[in-house]
């Protein structure tokens, strides 16, 4: 009987081209408030879908949406015309 052995590459193999550049990491850090606001919006929407929506759920979703839009506007105004070098 022959044993069955899986042959696979190392999952955590390091290749320099696989890692984000410093410019990409800076861009992610710059976008983090928008990402967190979007997460809060999704959380509010999930809470509202979990049961029959009420007035509190409606306000929570509306407030989260307003925050997400405000963060996107701030990011747009901050980064208008500036893209860090090395970011595709």
C-alpha atoms as a PDB file:
ATOM      1  CA  UNK A   1       0.000   0.000   0.000  1.00  0.00           C
ATOM      2  CA  UNK A   2       1.369   3.418  -0.972  1.00  0.00           C
ATOM      3  CA  UNK A   3       0.862   6.316   1.444  1.00  0.00           C
ATOM      4  CA  UNK A   4      -0.837   9.396   0.039  1.00  0.00           C
ATOM      5  CA  UNK A   5       1.241  12.481   0.688  1.00  0.00           C
ATOM      6  CA  UNK A   6       0.209  15.981  -0.304  1.00  0.00           C
ATOM      7  CA  UNK A   7       2.878  17.984  -2.041  1.00  0.00           C
ATOM      8  CA  UNK A   8       2.436  21.675  -1.563  1.00  0.00           C
ATOM      9  CA  UNK A   9       4.501  24.808  -1.478  1.00  0.00           C
ATOM     10  CA  UNK A  10       5.175  26.581   1.764  1.00  0.00           C
ATOM     11  CA  UNK A  11       2.261  28.828   2.598  1.00  0.00           C
ATOM     12  CA  UNK A  12       4.367  31.462   4.284  1.00  0.00           C
ATOM     13  CA  UNK A  13       7.131  31.606   1.713  1.00  0.00           C
ATOM     14  CA  UNK A  14       8.680  35.048   1.552  1.00  0.00           C
ATOM     15  CA  UNK A  15       9.124  36.781  -1.737  1.00  0.00           C
ATOM     16  CA  UNK A  16       9.912  40.505  -1.789  1.00  0.00           C
ATOM     17  CA  UNK A  17       7.410  41.125  -4.596  1.00  0.00           C
ATOM     18  CA  UNK A  18       4.596  39.610  -2.488  1.00  0.00           C
ATOM     19  CA  UNK A  19       4.874  42.211   0.276  1.00  0.00           C
ATOM     20  CA  UNK A  20       3.197  45.625   0.073  1.00  0.00           C
ATOM     21  CA  UNK A  21       5.506  48.550  -0.532  1.00  0.00           C
ATOM     22  CA  UNK A  22       5.952  51.336   2.000  1.00  0.00           C
ATOM     23  CA  UNK A  23       3.863  53.611  -0.230  1.00  0.00           C
ATOM     24  CA  UNK A  24       1.016  51.073  -0.264  1.00  0.00           C
ATOM     25  CA  UNK A  25       1.163  50.717   3.522  1.00  0.00           C
ATOM     26  CA  UNK A  26       1.065  54.510   3.887  1.00  0.00           C
ATOM     27  CA  UNK A  27      -1.975  54.636   1.619  1.00  0.00           C
ATOM     28  CA  UNK A  28      -3.731  51.954   3.679  1.00  0.00           C
ATOM     29  CA  UNK A  29      -2.994  53.911   6.843  1.00  0.00           C
ATOM     30  CA  UNK A  30      -4.389  57.035   5.201  1.00  0.00           C
ATOM     31  CA  UNK A  31      -7.580  55.155   4.244  1.00  0.00           C
ATOM     32  CA  UNK A  32      -8.029  53.485   7.654  1.00  0.00           C
ATOM     33  CA  UNK A  33     -10.683  55.964   8.953  1.00  0.00           C
ATOM     34  CA  UNK A  34     -12.782  55.241   5.849  1.00  0.00           C
ATOM     35  CA  UNK A  35     -12.355  51.505   6.302  1.00  0.00           C
ATOM     36  CA  UNK A  36     -13.393  51.669   9.967  1.00  0.00           C
ATOM     37  CA  UNK A  37     -16.403  53.843   9.121  1.00  0.00           C
ATOM     38  CA  UNK A  38     -17.470  51.316   6.477  1.00  0.00           C
ATOM     39  CA  UNK A  39     -17.130  48.499   9.019  1.00  0.00           C
ATOM     40  CA  UNK A  40     -19.350  50.421  11.445  1.00  0.00           C
ATOM     41  CA  UNK A  41     -21.908  50.933   8.678  1.00  0.00           C
ATOM     42  CA  UNK A  42     -21.948  47.226   7.843  1.00  0.00           C
ATOM     43  CA  UNK A  43     -22.284  46.377  11.551  1.00  0.00           C
ATOM     44  CA  UNK A  44     -25.271  48.726  11.858  1.00  0.00           C
ATOM     45  CA  UNK A  45     -26.885  47.188   8.772  1.00  0.00           C
ATOM     46  CA  UNK A  46     -26.371  43.667  10.109  1.00  0.00           C
ATOM     47  CA  UNK A  47     -27.913  44.623  13.446  1.00  0.00           C
ATOM     48  CA  UNK A  48     -30.915  46.099  11.613  1.00  0.00           C
ATOM     49  CA  UNK A  49     -31.342  42.920   9.539  1.00  0.00           C
ATOM     50  CA  UNK A  50     -31.151  40.673  12.582  1.00  0.00           C
ATOM     51  CA  UNK A  51     -34.633  41.643  13.725  1.00  0.00           C
ATOM     52  CA  UNK A  52     -37.534  43.856  12.721  1.00  0.00           C
ATOM     53  CA  UNK A  53     -35.969  47.297  12.248  1.00  0.00           C
ATOM     54  CA  UNK A  54     -37.090  49.990  14.650  1.00  0.00           C
ATOM     55  CA  UNK A  55     -36.402  53.710  15.014  1.00  0.00           C
ATOM     56  CA  UNK A  56     -33.129  53.150  16.875  1.00  0.00           C
ATOM     57  CA  UNK A  57     -31.841  50.891  14.088  1.00  0.00           C
ATOM     58  CA  UNK A  58     -32.825  53.457  11.490  1.00  0.00           C
ATOM     59  CA  UNK A  59     -30.932  56.195  13.322  1.00  0.00           C
ATOM     60  CA  UNK A  60     -27.915  53.941  13.848  1.00  0.00           C
ATOM     61  CA  UNK A  61     -27.691  53.110  10.136  1.00  0.00           C
ATOM     62  CA  UNK A  62     -28.260  56.733   9.117  1.00  0.00           C
ATOM     63  CA  UNK A  63     -25.577  57.952  11.552  1.00  0.00           C
ATOM     64  CA  UNK A  64     -23.104  55.303  10.357  1.00  0.00           C
ATOM     65  CA  UNK A  65     -23.799  56.188   6.720  1.00  0.00           C
ATOM     66  CA  UNK A  66     -23.255  59.884   7.446  1.00  0.00           C
ATOM     67  CA  UNK A  67     -19.945  59.087   9.162  1.00  0.00           C
ATOM     68  CA  UNK A  68     -18.815  56.889   6.261  1.00  0.00           C
ATOM     69  CA  UNK A  69     -19.645  59.613   3.740  1.00  0.00           C
ATOM     70  CA  UNK A  70     -17.923  62.270   5.861  1.00  0.00           C
ATOM     71  CA  UNK A  71     -14.767  60.160   6.130  1.00  0.00           C
ATOM     72  CA  UNK A  72     -14.770  59.603   2.368  1.00  0.00           C
ATOM     73  CA  UNK A  73     -15.147  63.352   1.787  1.00  0.00           C
ATOM     74  CA  UNK A  74     -12.262  64.084   4.186  1.00  0.00           C
ATOM     75  CA  UNK A  75     -10.071  61.527   2.450  1.00  0.00           C
ATOM     76  CA  UNK A  76     -10.931  62.927  -0.968  1.00  0.00           C
ATOM     77  CA  UNK A  77     -10.148  66.483   0.128  1.00  0.00           C
ATOM     78  CA  UNK A  78      -6.894  65.401   1.800  1.00  0.00           C
ATOM     79  CA  UNK A  79      -5.599  63.366  -1.116  1.00  0.00           C
ATOM     80  CA  UNK A  80      -6.915  65.326  -4.092  1.00  0.00           C
ATOM     81  CA  UNK A  81      -4.285  65.041  -6.787  1.00  0.00           C
ATOM     82  CA  UNK A  82      -1.712  63.288  -4.628  1.00  0.00           C
ATOM     83  CA  UNK A  83      -0.886  59.638  -5.187  1.00  0.00           C
ATOM     84  CA  UNK A  84       2.203  58.342  -3.421  1.00  0.00           C
ATOM     85  CA  UNK A  85       4.993  57.080  -5.670  1.00  0.00           C
ATOM     86  CA  UNK A  86       5.020  53.334  -6.125  1.00  0.00           C
ATOM     87  CA  UNK A  87       1.256  52.869  -5.808  1.00  0.00           C
ATOM     88  CA  UNK A  88      -0.444  51.409  -8.828  1.00  0.00           C
END
